[in-house]
Amino acid sequence: MADTIRIVSPVGQPFVTEASPALRPASLQDLRPGILENRKANARLLMESMIDGLRERVPLGALTIGSKPVAGPPSPSTFDLLVRNSDFIVVGSSD
């Protein structure tokens, strides 16, 4: 065994990608909401409550709900379902 100490630096090179935000609609009126919930406790309830609150202020279309694993992307079929049936999607919840 060699009497050598190997030092590894945790510093990496940052990777930056520029992106433009999606265009916002002039109004949410009659748009179809979607929810992508992550199966965390109360995540779906929280996001459904957000949509219900919006409905009190503006008429919305039908709600579509999809689920994904806590630490992963939605399945292709869930992604397609939300894209086909939603004009905007509420995503995410934290602990």
PDB file of N, CA and C in Angstrom:
ATOM      1  N   MET A   1       0.842  -1.168   0.000  1.00  0.00           N
ATOM      2  CA  MET A   1       0.000   0.000   0.000  1.00  0.00           C
ATOM      3  C   MET A   1       0.893   1.239   0.000  1.00  0.00           C
ATOM      4  N   ALA A   2       0.561   2.182  -0.855  1.00  0.00           N
ATOM      5  CA  ALA A   2       1.360   3.405  -0.969  1.00  0.00           C
ATOM      6  C   ALA A   2       0.992   4.383   0.144  1.00  0.00           C
ATOM      7  N   ASP A   3       1.953   5.181   0.529  1.00  0.00           N
ATOM      8  CA  ASP A   3       1.718   6.212   1.533  1.00  0.00           C
ATOM      9  C   ASP A   3       1.328   7.518   0.835  1.00  0.00           C
ATOM     10  N   THR A   4       0.254   7.466   0.069  1.00  0.00           N
ATOM     11  CA  THR A   4      -0.196   8.610  -0.707  1.00  0.00           C
ATOM     12  C   THR A   4      -1.625   8.959  -0.312  1.00  0.00           C
ATOM     13  N   ILE A   5      -1.888  10.229  -0.166  1.00  0.00           N
ATOM     14  CA  ILE A   5      -3.246  10.702   0.096  1.00  0.00           C
ATOM     15  C   ILE A   5      -3.766  11.328  -1.188  1.00  0.00           C
ATOM     16  N   ARG A   6      -4.896  10.851  -1.621  1.00  0.00           N
ATOM     17  CA  ARG A   6      -5.506  11.374  -2.847  1.00  0.00           C
ATOM     18  C   ARG A   6      -6.596  12.363  -2.453  1.00  0.00           C
ATOM     19  N   ILE A   7      -6.533  13.580  -2.969  1.00  0.00           N
ATOM     20  CA  ILE A   7      -7.512  14.618  -2.666  1.00  0.00           C
ATOM     21  C   ILE A   7      -8.372  14.828  -3.908  1.00  0.00           C
ATOM     22  N   VAL A   8      -9.685  14.737  -3.708  1.00  0.00           N
ATOM     23  CA  VAL A   8     -10.622  14.924  -4.814  1.00  0.00           C
ATOM     24  C   VAL A   8     -11.415  16.203  -4.552  1.00  0.00           C
ATOM     25  N   SER A   9     -11.442  17.081  -5.502  1.00  0.00           N
ATOM     26  CA  SER A   9     -12.166  18.347  -5.363  1.00  0.00           C
ATOM     27  C   SER A   9     -13.649  18.154  -5.704  1.00  0.00           C
ATOM     28  N   PRO A  10     -14.562  18.649  -4.851  1.00  0.00           N
ATOM     29  CA  PRO A  10     -15.984  18.546  -5.146  1.00  0.00           C
ATOM     30  C   PRO A  10     -16.490  19.653  -6.074  1.00  0.00           C
ATOM     31  N   VAL A  11     -15.607  20.543  -6.486  1.00  0.00           N
ATOM     32  CA  VAL A  11     -16.001  21.663  -7.324  1.00  0.00           C
ATOM     33  C   VAL A  11     -16.160  21.188  -8.763  1.00  0.00           C
ATOM     34  N   GLY A  12     -17.305  21.493  -9.336  1.00  0.00           N
ATOM     35  CA  GLY A  12     -17.562  21.116 -10.720  1.00  0.00           C
ATOM     36  C   GLY A  12     -17.689  22.342 -11.593  1.00  0.00           C
ATOM     37  N   GLN A  13     -17.944  22.121 -12.839  1.00  0.00           N
ATOM     38  CA  GLN A  13     -18.144  23.213 -13.778  1.00  0.00           C
ATOM     39  C   GLN A  13     -19.652  23.458 -13.916  1.00  0.00           C
ATOM     40  N   PRO A  14     -20.109  24.697 -13.702  1.00  0.00           N
ATOM     41  CA  PRO A  14     -21.543  24.970 -13.823  1.00  0.00           C
ATOM     42  C   PRO A  14     -22.005  24.817 -15.268  1.00  0.00           C
ATOM     43  N   PHE A  15     -23.220  24.348 -15.419  1.00  0.00           N
ATOM     44  CA  PHE A  15     -23.825  24.193 -16.733  1.00  0.00           C
ATOM     45  C   PHE A  15     -25.051  25.094 -16.771  1.00  0.00           C
ATOM     46  N   VAL A  16     -25.040  26.091 -17.635  1.00  0.00           N
ATOM     47  CA  VAL A  16     -26.124  27.067 -17.690  1.00  0.00           C
ATOM     48  C   VAL A  16     -26.817  26.962 -19.042  1.00  0.00           C
ATOM     49  N   THR A  17     -28.138  26.858 -18.985  1.00  0.00           N
ATOM     50  CA  THR A  17     -28.940  26.851 -20.199  1.00  0.00           C
ATOM     51  C   THR A  17     -29.933  27.994 -20.128  1.00  0.00           C
ATOM     52  N   GLU A  18     -29.953  28.821 -21.135  1.00  0.00           N
ATOM     53  CA  GLU A  18     -30.914  29.916 -21.165  1.00  0.00           C
ATOM     54  C   GLU A  18     -32.188  29.438 -21.839  1.00  0.00           C
ATOM     55  N   ALA A  19     -33.310  29.854 -21.287  1.00  0.00           N
ATOM     56  CA  ALA A  19     -34.609  29.488 -21.850  1.00  0.00           C
ATOM     57  C   ALA A  19     -35.567  30.657 -21.676  1.00  0.00           C
ATOM     58  N   SER A  20     -36.478  30.780 -22.602  1.00  0.00           N
ATOM     59  CA  SER A  20     -37.504  31.811 -22.502  1.00  0.00           C
ATOM     60  C   SER A  20     -38.714  31.236 -21.787  1.00  0.00           C
ATOM     61  N   PRO A  21     -39.343  32.020 -20.918  1.00  0.00           N
ATOM     62  CA  PRO A  21     -40.543  31.517 -20.254  1.00  0.00           C
ATOM     63  C   PRO A  21     -41.689  31.359 -21.250  1.00  0.00           C
ATOM     64  N   ALA A  22     -42.608  30.477 -20.910  1.00  0.00           N
ATOM     65  CA  ALA A  22     -43.789  30.289 -21.763  1.00  0.00           C
ATOM     66  C   ALA A  22     -44.616  31.565 -21.760  1.00  0.00           C
ATOM     67  N   LEU A  23     -45.284  31.818 -22.861  1.00  0.00           N
ATOM     68  CA  LEU A  23     -46.163  32.987 -22.947  1.00  0.00           C
ATOM     69  C   LEU A  23     -47.362  32.794 -22.030  1.00  0.00           C
ATOM     70  N   ARG A  24     -47.767  33.852 -21.379  1.00  0.00           N
ATOM     71  CA  ARG A  24     -48.926  33.792 -20.494  1.00  0.00           C
ATOM     72  C   ARG A  24     -50.172  34.166 -21.277  1.00  0.00           C
ATOM     73  N   PRO A  25     -51.272  33.457 -21.018  1.00  0.00           N
ATOM     74  CA  PRO A  25     -52.521  33.839 -21.685  1.00  0.00           C
ATOM     75  C   PRO A  25     -53.039  35.156 -21.105  1.00  0.00           C
ATOM     76  N   ALA A  26     -53.829  35.866 -21.886  1.00  0.00           N
ATOM     77  CA  ALA A  26     -54.401  37.125 -21.416  1.00  0.00           C
ATOM     78  C   ALA A  26     -55.361  36.878 -20.260  1.00  0.00           C
ATOM     79  N   SER A  27     -56.004  35.704 -20.246  1.00  0.00           N
ATOM     80  CA  SER A  27     -56.962  35.357 -19.197  1.00  0.00           C
ATOM     81  C   SER A  27     -56.989  33.840 -19.034  1.00  0.00           C
ATOM     82  N   LEU A  28     -57.377  33.380 -17.860  1.00  0.00           N
ATOM     83  CA  LEU A  28     -57.567  31.947 -17.629  1.00  0.00           C
ATOM     84  C   LEU A  28     -58.993  31.507 -17.955  1.00  0.00           C
ATOM     85  N   GLN A  29     -59.853  32.459 -18.279  1.00  0.00           N
ATOM     86  CA  GLN A  29     -61.267  32.155 -18.521  1.00  0.00           C
ATOM     87  C   GLN A  29     -61.439  31.048 -19.549  1.00  0.00           C
ATOM     88  N   ASP A  30     -62.188  30.020 -19.131  1.00  0.00           N
ATOM     89  CA  ASP A  30     -62.536  28.869 -19.962  1.00  0.00           C
ATOM     90  C   ASP A  30     -61.357  27.967 -20.331  1.00  0.00           C
ATOM     91  N   LEU A  31     -60.177  28.229 -19.783  1.00  0.00           N
ATOM     92  CA  LEU A  31     -59.058  27.328 -20.036  1.00  0.00           C
ATOM     93  C   LEU A  31     -59.220  26.070 -19.185  1.00  0.00           C
ATOM     94  N   ARG A  32     -58.682  24.971 -19.673  1.00  0.00           N
ATOM     95  CA  ARG A  32     -58.776  23.678 -18.989  1.00  0.00           C
ATOM     96  C   ARG A  32     -57.551  23.472 -18.104  1.00  0.00           C
ATOM     97  N   PRO A  33     -57.761  23.395 -16.782  1.00  0.00           N
ATOM     98  CA  PRO A  33     -56.627  23.179 -15.891  1.00  0.00           C
ATOM     99  C   PRO A  33     -56.209  21.717 -15.842  1.00  0.00           C
ATOM    100  N   GLY A  34     -54.957  21.507 -15.534  1.00  0.00           N
ATOM    101  CA  GLY A  34     -54.434  20.170 -15.306  1.00  0.00           C
ATOM    102  C   GLY A  34     -53.617  20.174 -14.023  1.00  0.00           C
ATOM    103  N   ILE A  35     -53.515  19.021 -13.404  1.00  0.00           N
ATOM    104  CA  ILE A  35     -52.699  18.856 -12.211  1.00  0.00           C
ATOM    105  C   ILE A  35     -51.777  17.663 -12.445  1.00  0.00           C
ATOM    106  N   LEU A  36     -50.496  17.843 -12.182  1.00  0.00           N
ATOM    107  CA  LEU A  36     -49.552  16.725 -12.158  1.00  0.00           C
ATOM    108  C   LEU A  36     -49.108  16.579 -10.723  1.00  0.00           C
ATOM    109  N   GLU A  37     -49.701  15.613 -10.020  1.00  0.00           N
ATOM    110  CA  GLU A  37     -49.388  15.441  -8.600  1.00  0.00           C
ATOM    111  C   GLU A  37     -48.324  14.383  -8.429  1.00  0.00           C
ATOM    112  N   ASN A  38     -47.548  14.542  -7.348  1.00  0.00           N
ATOM    113  CA  ASN A  38     -46.373  13.692  -7.159  1.00  0.00           C
ATOM    114  C   ASN A  38     -46.535  12.662  -6.037  1.00  0.00           C
ATOM    115  N   ARG A  39     -47.763  12.390  -5.650  1.00  0.00           N
ATOM    116  CA  ARG A  39     -48.084  11.360  -4.653  1.00  0.00           C
ATOM    117  C   ARG A  39     -47.560  11.660  -3.256  1.00  0.00           C
ATOM    118  N   LYS A  40     -47.112  12.876  -3.004  1.00  0.00           N
ATOM    119  CA  LYS A  40     -46.739  13.249  -1.642  1.00  0.00           C
ATOM    120  C   LYS A  40     -48.023  13.494  -0.860  1.00  0.00           C
ATOM    121  N   ALA A  41     -47.927  13.331   0.447  1.00  0.00           N
ATOM    122  CA  ALA A  41     -49.101  13.506   1.303  1.00  0.00           C
ATOM    123  C   ALA A  41     -49.727  14.882   1.071  1.00  0.00           C
ATOM    124  N   ASN A  42     -50.995  14.887   0.759  1.00  0.00           N
ATOM    125  CA  ASN A  42     -51.804  16.101   0.581  1.00  0.00           C
ATOM    126  C   ASN A  42     -51.445  16.927  -0.652  1.00  0.00           C
ATOM    127  N   ALA A  43     -50.530  16.486  -1.499  1.00  0.00           N
ATOM    128  CA  ALA A  43     -50.163  17.263  -2.692  1.00  0.00           C
ATOM    129  C   ALA A  43     -51.375  17.452  -3.595  1.00  0.00           C
ATOM    130  N   ARG A  44     -52.088  16.363  -3.867  1.00  0.00           N
ATOM    131  CA  ARG A  44     -53.252  16.462  -4.751  1.00  0.00           C
ATOM    132  C   ARG A  44     -54.318  17.366  -4.131  1.00  0.00           C
ATOM    133  N   LEU A  45     -54.584  17.191  -2.843  1.00  0.00           N
ATOM    134  CA  LEU A  45     -55.570  18.025  -2.157  1.00  0.00           C
ATOM    135  C   LEU A  45     -55.197  19.503  -2.253  1.00  0.00           C
ATOM    136  N   LEU A  46     -53.931  19.818  -2.040  1.00  0.00           N
ATOM    137  CA  LEU A  46     -53.464  21.201  -2.116  1.00  0.00           C
ATOM    138  C   LEU A  46     -53.696  21.772  -3.516  1.00  0.00           C
ATOM    139  N   MET A  47     -53.304  21.025  -4.533  1.00  0.00           N
ATOM    140  CA  MET A  47     -53.430  21.543  -5.899  1.00  0.00           C
ATOM    141  C   MET A  47     -54.889  21.615  -6.341  1.00  0.00           C
ATOM    142  N   GLU A  48     -55.722  20.645  -5.933  1.00  0.00           N
ATOM    143  CA  GLU A  48     -57.153  20.728  -6.246  1.00  0.00           C
ATOM    144  C   GLU A  48     -57.775  21.950  -5.561  1.00  0.00           C
ATOM    145  N   SER A  49     -57.336  22.247  -4.344  1.00  0.00           N
ATOM    146  CA  SER A  49     -57.829  23.431  -3.634  1.00  0.00           C
ATOM    147  C   SER A  49     -57.430  24.714  -4.364  1.00  0.00           C
ATOM    148  N   MET A  50     -56.227  24.726  -4.939  1.00  0.00           N
ATOM    149  CA  MET A  50     -55.785  25.888  -5.720  1.00  0.00           C
ATOM    150  C   MET A  50     -56.695  26.091  -6.929  1.00  0.00           C
ATOM    151  N   ILE A  51     -57.007  25.012  -7.625  1.00  0.00           N
ATOM    152  CA  ILE A  51     -57.890  25.106  -8.796  1.00  0.00           C
ATOM    153  C   ILE A  51     -59.287  25.541  -8.364  1.00  0.00           C
ATOM    154  N   ASP A  52     -59.792  24.999  -7.259  1.00  0.00           N
ATOM    155  CA  ASP A  52     -61.108  25.417  -6.752  1.00  0.00           C
ATOM    156  C   ASP A  52     -61.115  26.912  -6.436  1.00  0.00           C
ATOM    157  N   GLY A  53     -60.027  27.410  -5.871  1.00  0.00           N
ATOM    158  CA  GLY A  53     -59.917  28.840  -5.595  1.00  0.00           C
ATOM    159  C   GLY A  53     -59.937  29.670  -6.874  1.00  0.00           C
ATOM    160  N   LEU A  54     -59.267  29.179  -7.903  1.00  0.00           N
ATOM    161  CA  LEU A  54     -59.308  29.883  -9.195  1.00  0.00           C
ATOM    162  C   LEU A  54     -60.722  29.888  -9.768  1.00  0.00           C
ATOM    163  N   ARG A  55     -61.423  28.758  -9.623  1.00  0.00           N
ATOM    164  CA  ARG A  55     -62.798  28.660 -10.140  1.00  0.00           C
ATOM    165  C   ARG A  55     -63.735  29.684  -9.499  1.00  0.00           C
ATOM    166  N   GLU A  56     -63.438  30.085  -8.272  1.00  0.00           N
ATOM    167  CA  GLU A  56     -64.250  31.102  -7.609  1.00  0.00           C
ATOM    168  C   GLU A  56     -64.061  32.473  -8.248  1.00  0.00           C
ATOM    169  N   ARG A  57     -62.952  32.653  -8.945  1.00  0.00           N
ATOM    170  CA  ARG A  57     -62.639  33.950  -9.546  1.00  0.00           C
ATOM    171  C   ARG A  57     -62.876  33.997 -11.050  1.00  0.00           C
ATOM    172  N   VAL A  58     -62.752  32.834 -11.707  1.00  0.00           N
ATOM    173  CA  VAL A  58     -62.867  32.802 -13.165  1.00  0.00           C
ATOM    174  C   VAL A  58     -63.412  31.437 -13.587  1.00  0.00           C
ATOM    175  N   PRO A  59     -64.308  31.414 -14.586  1.00  0.00           N
ATOM    176  CA  PRO A  59     -64.805  30.116 -15.044  1.00  0.00           C
ATOM    177  C   PRO A  59     -63.699  29.334 -15.760  1.00  0.00           C
ATOM    178  N   LEU A  60     -63.577  28.057 -15.391  1.00  0.00           N
ATOM    179  CA  LEU A  60     -62.556  27.191 -15.987  1.00  0.00           C
ATOM    180  C   LEU A  60     -63.214  25.986 -16.626  1.00  0.00           C
ATOM    181  N   GLY A  61     -62.504  25.364 -17.545  1.00  0.00           N
ATOM    182  CA  GLY A  61     -62.962  24.129 -18.167  1.00  0.00           C
ATOM    183  C   GLY A  61     -62.724  22.940 -17.253  1.00  0.00           C
ATOM    184  N   ALA A  62     -62.864  21.750 -17.830  1.00  0.00           N
ATOM    185  CA  ALA A  62     -62.724  20.495 -17.081  1.00  0.00           C
ATOM    186  C   ALA A  62     -61.298  20.316 -16.576  1.00  0.00           C
ATOM    187  N   LEU A  63     -61.192  19.725 -15.389  1.00  0.00           N
ATOM    188  CA  LEU A  63     -59.902  19.449 -14.751  1.00  0.00           C
ATOM    189  C   LEU A  63     -59.418  18.059 -15.127  1.00  0.00           C
ATOM    190  N   THR A  64     -58.139  17.956 -15.485  1.00  0.00           N
ATOM    191  CA  THR A  64     -57.493  16.668 -15.749  1.00  0.00           C
ATOM    192  C   THR A  64     -56.382  16.490 -14.721  1.00  0.00           C
ATOM    193  N   ILE A  65     -56.315  15.296 -14.122  1.00  0.00           N
ATOM    194  CA  ILE A  65     -55.305  15.022 -13.100  1.00  0.00           C
ATOM    195  C   ILE A  65     -54.445  13.843 -13.526  1.00  0.00           C
ATOM    196  N   GLY A  66     -53.144  14.018 -13.431  1.00  0.00           N
ATOM    197  CA  GLY A  66     -52.187  12.948 -13.683  1.00  0.00           C
ATOM    198  C   GLY A  66     -51.285  12.779 -12.479  1.00  0.00           C
ATOM    199  N   SER A  67     -50.732  11.592 -12.319  1.00  0.00           N
ATOM    200  CA  SER A  67     -49.830  11.302 -11.205  1.00  0.00           C
ATOM    201  C   SER A  67     -48.470  10.884 -11.725  1.00  0.00           C
ATOM    202  N   LYS A  68     -47.456  11.142 -10.915  1.00  0.00           N
ATOM    203  CA  LYS A  68     -46.097  10.713 -11.225  1.00  0.00           C
ATOM    204  C   LYS A  68     -45.437  10.234  -9.951  1.00  0.00           C
ATOM    205  N   PRO A  69     -44.347   9.498 -10.051  1.00  0.00           N
ATOM    206  CA  PRO A  69     -43.611   9.105  -8.844  1.00  0.00           C
ATOM    207  C   PRO A  69     -43.047  10.336  -8.141  1.00  0.00           C
ATOM    208  N   VAL A  70     -42.791  10.223  -6.850  1.00  0.00           N
ATOM    209  CA  VAL A  70     -42.240  11.334  -6.078  1.00  0.00           C
ATOM    210  C   VAL A  70     -40.935  11.819  -6.702  1.00  0.00           C
ATOM    211  N   ALA A  71     -40.052  10.917  -7.055  1.00  0.00           N
ATOM    212  CA  ALA A  71     -38.734  11.304  -7.561  1.00  0.00           C
ATOM    213  C   ALA A  71     -38.546  10.844  -8.997  1.00  0.00           C
ATOM    214  N   GLY A  72     -39.400  11.295  -9.866  1.00  0.00           N
ATOM    215  CA  GLY A  72     -39.237  10.902 -11.257  1.00  0.00           C
ATOM    216  C   GLY A  72     -40.227  11.615 -12.144  1.00  0.00           C
ATOM    217  N   PRO A  73     -40.051  11.462 -13.438  1.00  0.00           N
ATOM    218  CA  PRO A  73     -40.940  12.125 -14.390  1.00  0.00           C
ATOM    219  C   PRO A  73     -42.250  11.353 -14.553  1.00  0.00           C
ATOM    220  N   PRO A  74     -43.247  11.989 -15.154  1.00  0.00           N
ATOM    221  CA  PRO A  74     -44.485  11.267 -15.447  1.00  0.00           C
ATOM    222  C   PRO A  74     -44.249  10.273 -16.576  1.00  0.00           C
ATOM    223  N   SER A  75     -45.096   9.272 -16.645  1.00  0.00           N
ATOM    224  CA  SER A  75     -45.015   8.326 -17.754  1.00  0.00           C
ATOM    225  C   SER A  75     -45.390   9.045 -19.044  1.00  0.00           C
ATOM    226  N   PRO A  76     -44.966   8.524 -20.194  1.00  0.00           N
ATOM    227  CA  PRO A  76     -45.359   9.144 -21.457  1.00  0.00           C
ATOM    228  C   PRO A  76     -46.883   9.251 -21.614  1.00  0.00           C
ATOM    229  N   SER A  77     -47.622   8.244 -21.140  1.00  0.00           N
ATOM    230  CA  SER A  77     -49.085   8.301 -21.283  1.00  0.00           C
ATOM    231  C   SER A  77     -49.682   9.394 -20.399  1.00  0.00           C
ATOM    232  N   THR A  78     -49.150   9.588 -19.192  1.00  0.00           N
ATOM    233  CA  THR A  78     -49.630  10.664 -18.320  1.00  0.00           C
ATOM    234  C   THR A  78     -49.289  12.018 -18.924  1.00  0.00           C
ATOM    235  N   PHE A  79     -48.091  12.157 -19.444  1.00  0.00           N
ATOM    236  CA  PHE A  79     -47.675  13.401 -20.098  1.00  0.00           C
ATOM    237  C   PHE A  79     -48.616  13.719 -21.261  1.00  0.00           C
ATOM    238  N   ASP A  80     -48.873  12.734 -22.117  1.00  0.00           N
ATOM    239  CA  ASP A  80     -49.759  12.938 -23.272  1.00  0.00           C
ATOM    240  C   ASP A  80     -51.168  13.301 -22.836  1.00  0.00           C
ATOM    241  N   LEU A  81     -51.687  12.640 -21.791  1.00  0.00           N
ATOM    242  CA  LEU A  81     -53.018  12.933 -21.280  1.00  0.00           C
ATOM    243  C   LEU A  81     -53.135  14.401 -20.876  1.00  0.00           C
ATOM    244  N   LEU A  82     -52.161  14.885 -20.127  1.00  0.00           N
ATOM    245  CA  LEU A  82     -52.197  16.272 -19.671  1.00  0.00           C
ATOM    246  C   LEU A  82     -52.040  17.254 -20.829  1.00  0.00           C
ATOM    247  N   VAL A  83     -51.160  16.955 -21.758  1.00  0.00           N
ATOM    248  CA  VAL A  83     -50.953  17.852 -22.905  1.00  0.00           C
ATOM    249  C   VAL A  83     -52.224  17.941 -23.762  1.00  0.00           C
ATOM    250  N   ARG A  84     -52.886  16.799 -23.983  1.00  0.00           N
ATOM    251  CA  ARG A  84     -54.100  16.784 -24.817  1.00  0.00           C
ATOM    252  C   ARG A  84     -55.290  17.473 -24.154  1.00  0.00           C
ATOM    253  N   ASN A  85     -55.386  17.379 -22.825  1.00  0.00           N
ATOM    254  CA  ASN A  85     -56.607  17.805 -22.150  1.00  0.00           C
ATOM    255  C   ASN A  85     -56.469  19.040 -21.266  1.00  0.00           C
ATOM    256  N   SER A  86     -55.311  19.691 -21.272  1.00  0.00           N
ATOM    257  CA  SER A  86     -55.097  20.842 -20.390  1.00  0.00           C
ATOM    258  C   SER A  86     -54.514  22.010 -21.165  1.00  0.00           C
ATOM    259  N   ASP A  87     -54.948  23.207 -20.769  1.00  0.00           N
ATOM    260  CA  ASP A  87     -54.369  24.426 -21.329  1.00  0.00           C
ATOM    261  C   ASP A  87     -53.291  25.003 -20.416  1.00  0.00           C
ATOM    262  N   PHE A  88     -53.377  24.677 -19.129  1.00  0.00           N
ATOM    263  CA  PHE A  88     -52.309  25.012 -18.184  1.00  0.00           C
ATOM    264  C   PHE A  88     -52.281  23.920 -17.118  1.00  0.00           C
ATOM    265  N   ILE A  89     -51.100  23.728 -16.525  1.00  0.00           N
ATOM    266  CA  ILE A  89     -50.913  22.619 -15.586  1.00  0.00           C
ATOM    267  C   ILE A  89     -50.240  23.122 -14.313  1.00  0.00           C
ATOM    268  N   VAL A  90     -50.802  22.733 -13.175  1.00  0.00           N
ATOM    269  CA  VAL A  90     -50.214  23.018 -11.875  1.00  0.00           C
ATOM    270  C   VAL A  90     -49.338  21.817 -11.531  1.00  0.00           C
ATOM    271  N   VAL A  91     -48.063  22.097 -11.240  1.00  0.00           N
ATOM    272  CA  VAL A  91     -47.096  21.017 -10.994  1.00  0.00           C
ATOM    273  C   VAL A  91     -46.359  21.308  -9.701  1.00  0.00           C
ATOM    274  N   GLY A  92     -46.108  20.265  -8.927  1.00  0.00           N
ATOM    275  CA  GLY A  92     -45.191  20.360  -7.813  1.00  0.00           C
ATOM    276  C   GLY A  92     -45.832  20.558  -6.467  1.00  0.00           C
ATOM    277  N   SER A  93     -45.152  20.074  -5.497  1.00  0.00           N
ATOM    278  CA  SER A  93     -45.521  20.224  -4.097  1.00  0.00           C
ATOM    279  C   SER A  93     -44.294  19.847  -3.291  1.00  0.00           C
ATOM    280  N   SER A  94     -44.128  20.515  -2.177  1.00  0.00           N
ATOM    281  CA  SER A  94     -42.990  20.170  -1.346  1.00  0.00           C
ATOM    282  C   SER A  94     -43.465  19.733   0.023  1.00  0.00           C
ATOM    283  N   ASP A  95     -42.554  19.245   0.813  1.00  0.00           N
ATOM    284  CA  ASP A  95     -42.905  18.750   2.135  1.00  0.00           C
ATOM    285  C   ASP A  95     -43.106  19.879   3.112  1.00  0.00           C
TER     286      ASP A  95
END
